[in-house]
Every structure is written in C-alpha cells, then in structure tokens.
Amino acid sequence: MMNYQDFVTSNPNVMLGKPVVKGTRITVELILRKLSEGATVSNLMAMYPGVSHESILVIMDYYK
C-alpha cells in the first residue's frame, strides 16, 4: 500500500492549506470532483501533467 503523504501535502501557504498533489497546486478536491464527474485516471493525467497515476490512485483510496 502506498503512503498518501508521499503524494499529498498541505501547506498553509499553498492553496490556503488545502491538500494538494505534492509538487503542484492541484487540489485533492479538484481531482475528486473531476472523478465524480466521470473523468478517468488517463483523462486527469492528460489534463494535469504534474499528476501521476500513483497519486490519483492514492487520492482515490485514501479519500474514499
């Protein structure tokens, strides 16, 4: 099992402290919303090049 802290971080100086994909300003909230709207992992990786397959899987697993 992957550790979510390797892929998700929170910093009060980035996106008001919301959890984001590490190394980006892409919020976990955005990823989850896009998935709920029908986006696939491949779609998300194409839309947001800084987001890895593993980071999306961790978000899906940890935040379900």
C-alpha atoms as a PDB file:
ATOM      1  CA  MET A   1       0.000   0.000   0.000  1.00  0.00           C
ATOM      2  CA  MET A   2       1.274   3.458  -0.929  1.00  0.00           C
ATOM      3  CA  ASN A   3       1.624   6.137   1.726  1.00  0.00           C
ATOM      4  CA  TYR A   4      -0.604   9.117   0.927  1.00  0.00           C
ATOM      5  CA  GLN A   5       1.975  11.500   2.446  1.00  0.00           C
ATOM      6  CA  ASP A   6       4.331  10.617  -0.410  1.00  0.00           C
ATOM      7  CA  PHE A   7       1.795  12.067  -2.869  1.00  0.00           C
ATOM      8  CA  VAL A   8      -0.354  14.599  -0.982  1.00  0.00           C
ATOM      9  CA  THR A   9       0.734  17.568   1.100  1.00  0.00           C
ATOM     10  CA  SER A  10      -0.848  20.502   2.875  1.00  0.00           C
ATOM     11  CA  ASN A  11       0.819  23.852   3.427  1.00  0.00           C
ATOM     12  CA  PRO A  12      -0.935  26.994   4.661  1.00  0.00           C
ATOM     13  CA  ASN A  13       0.974  29.000   2.026  1.00  0.00           C
ATOM     14  CA  VAL A  14      -0.291  26.854  -0.870  1.00  0.00           C
ATOM     15  CA  MET A  15      -3.973  26.894  -1.861  1.00  0.00           C
ATOM     16  CA  LEU A  16      -4.924  28.134   1.633  1.00  0.00           C
ATOM     17  CA  GLY A  17      -3.717  24.885   3.182  1.00  0.00           C
ATOM     18  CA  LYS A  18      -5.991  22.576   1.195  1.00  0.00           C
ATOM     19  CA  PRO A  19      -4.486  19.148   0.468  1.00  0.00           C
ATOM     20  CA  VAL A  20      -2.743  19.205  -2.913  1.00  0.00           C
ATOM     21  CA  VAL A  21      -0.857  16.746  -5.080  1.00  0.00           C
ATOM     22  CA  LYS A  22       2.746  17.070  -3.935  1.00  0.00           C
ATOM     23  CA  GLY A  23       4.763  19.410  -6.130  1.00  0.00           C
ATOM     24  CA  THR A  24       1.653  21.022  -7.656  1.00  0.00           C
ATOM     25  CA  ARG A  25      -1.153  23.410  -6.808  1.00  0.00           C
ATOM     26  CA  ILE A  26      -3.743  20.834  -7.895  1.00  0.00           C
ATOM     27  CA  THR A  27      -6.089  20.171  -5.004  1.00  0.00           C
ATOM     28  CA  VAL A  28      -7.317  16.782  -3.916  1.00  0.00           C
ATOM     29  CA  GLU A  29     -10.782  18.330  -4.025  1.00  0.00           C
ATOM     30  CA  LEU A  30     -10.376  19.060  -7.749  1.00  0.00           C
ATOM     31  CA  ILE A  31      -9.211  15.522  -8.512  1.00  0.00           C
ATOM     32  CA  LEU A  32     -12.130  14.018  -6.594  1.00  0.00           C
ATOM     33  CA  ARG A  33     -14.622  16.358  -8.265  1.00  0.00           C
ATOM     34  CA  LYS A  34     -13.328  15.505 -11.743  1.00  0.00           C
ATOM     35  CA  LEU A  35     -13.524  11.787 -10.947  1.00  0.00           C
ATOM     36  CA  SER A  36     -17.108  12.195  -9.724  1.00  0.00           C
ATOM     37  CA  GLU A  37     -17.936  13.956 -12.988  1.00  0.00           C
ATOM     38  CA  GLY A  38     -16.723  10.931 -14.942  1.00  0.00           C
ATOM     39  CA  ALA A  39     -13.072  11.719 -15.675  1.00  0.00           C
ATOM     40  CA  THR A  40     -10.746   8.743 -15.857  1.00  0.00           C
ATOM     41  CA  VAL A  41      -7.246   8.472 -14.453  1.00  0.00           C
ATOM     42  CA  SER A  42      -5.917   8.849 -18.013  1.00  0.00           C
ATOM     43  CA  ASN A  43      -8.046  11.976 -18.538  1.00  0.00           C
ATOM     44  CA  LEU A  44      -6.703  13.526 -15.355  1.00  0.00           C
ATOM     45  CA  MET A  45      -3.107  12.742 -16.242  1.00  0.00           C
ATOM     46  CA  ALA A  46      -3.624  14.381 -19.663  1.00  0.00           C
ATOM     47  CA  MET A  47      -5.323  17.461 -18.152  1.00  0.00           C
ATOM     48  CA  TYR A  48      -2.814  17.851 -15.326  1.00  0.00           C
ATOM     49  CA  PRO A  49       0.663  16.653 -16.383  1.00  0.00           C
ATOM     50  CA  GLY A  50       2.055  17.110 -12.856  1.00  0.00           C
ATOM     51  CA  VAL A  51      -0.320  14.459 -11.513  1.00  0.00           C
ATOM     52  CA  SER A  52       0.926  10.868 -11.614  1.00  0.00           C
ATOM     53  CA  HIS A  53      -1.076   7.690 -11.921  1.00  0.00           C
ATOM     54  CA  GLU A  54       0.055   6.701  -8.435  1.00  0.00           C
ATOM     55  CA  SER A  55      -1.009   9.998  -6.889  1.00  0.00           C
ATOM     56  CA  ILE A  56      -4.519   9.634  -8.318  1.00  0.00           C
ATOM     57  CA  LEU A  57      -4.774   6.074  -7.015  1.00  0.00           C
ATOM     58  CA  VAL A  58      -3.660   7.207  -3.565  1.00  0.00           C
ATOM     59  CA  ILE A  59      -6.232  10.015  -3.579  1.00  0.00           C
ATOM     60  CA  MET A  60      -8.968   7.621  -4.655  1.00  0.00           C
ATOM     61  CA  ASP A  61      -8.010   5.128  -1.950  1.00  0.00           C
ATOM     62  CA  TYR A  62      -7.334   7.494   0.939  1.00  0.00           C
ATOM     63  CA  TYR A  63     -10.180   9.940   0.397  1.00  0.00           C
ATOM     64  CA  LYS A  64     -12.969   7.497  -0.381  1.00  0.00           C
END
